[in-house]
């Protein structure tokens, strides 16, 4: 990247969100479909392993996850999402409401880093993070969402969606 392009990018990003003060912890949003074993367990272990003096972590997950009490007992902020539809299936109306819901929470929280987990939360969380101009976005795959048992059209659409979200 040229120096001029890097400067323009830095200027654009500086207008999107205020710079983080070194005196406050990095605000981390962990977005997961459901806070249960599997992706939810990985998200919880990751959140618990962060230094509390340096990182302030909030977990966003669908209501009713079996690990929510454990996260709250450990002192983590947990926000239950009403529109995080479980599973990989597409629910256009619910998923659109989910993007809006996550966007609203991310904007209100002023997060420096958004870490998404799994297919559904990954898609909705990355779209929301882009909308609010999150400083950094990390996505972790849990399982492989594209497989030979899907119709070729569905598989192709999911792969193309993932490619676009990964940019």
Foldseek 3Di string as FASTA:
>chain_A
DDPVVVVVVVVVLCVLAPDDDPQQAAEEEEEEAALEPFQNVVSLVVVLPDDPRRYQYEYEYAPDHPCVVVSVVSPHHYDHQPLSDDDDDDDPVSLVVRLVRLLVVCLVRRHQEYEYEEDSRLLSVLSSCVVSSHNYYHYDYGDDPADPVDPPVVNVVSVVSVVVSVD
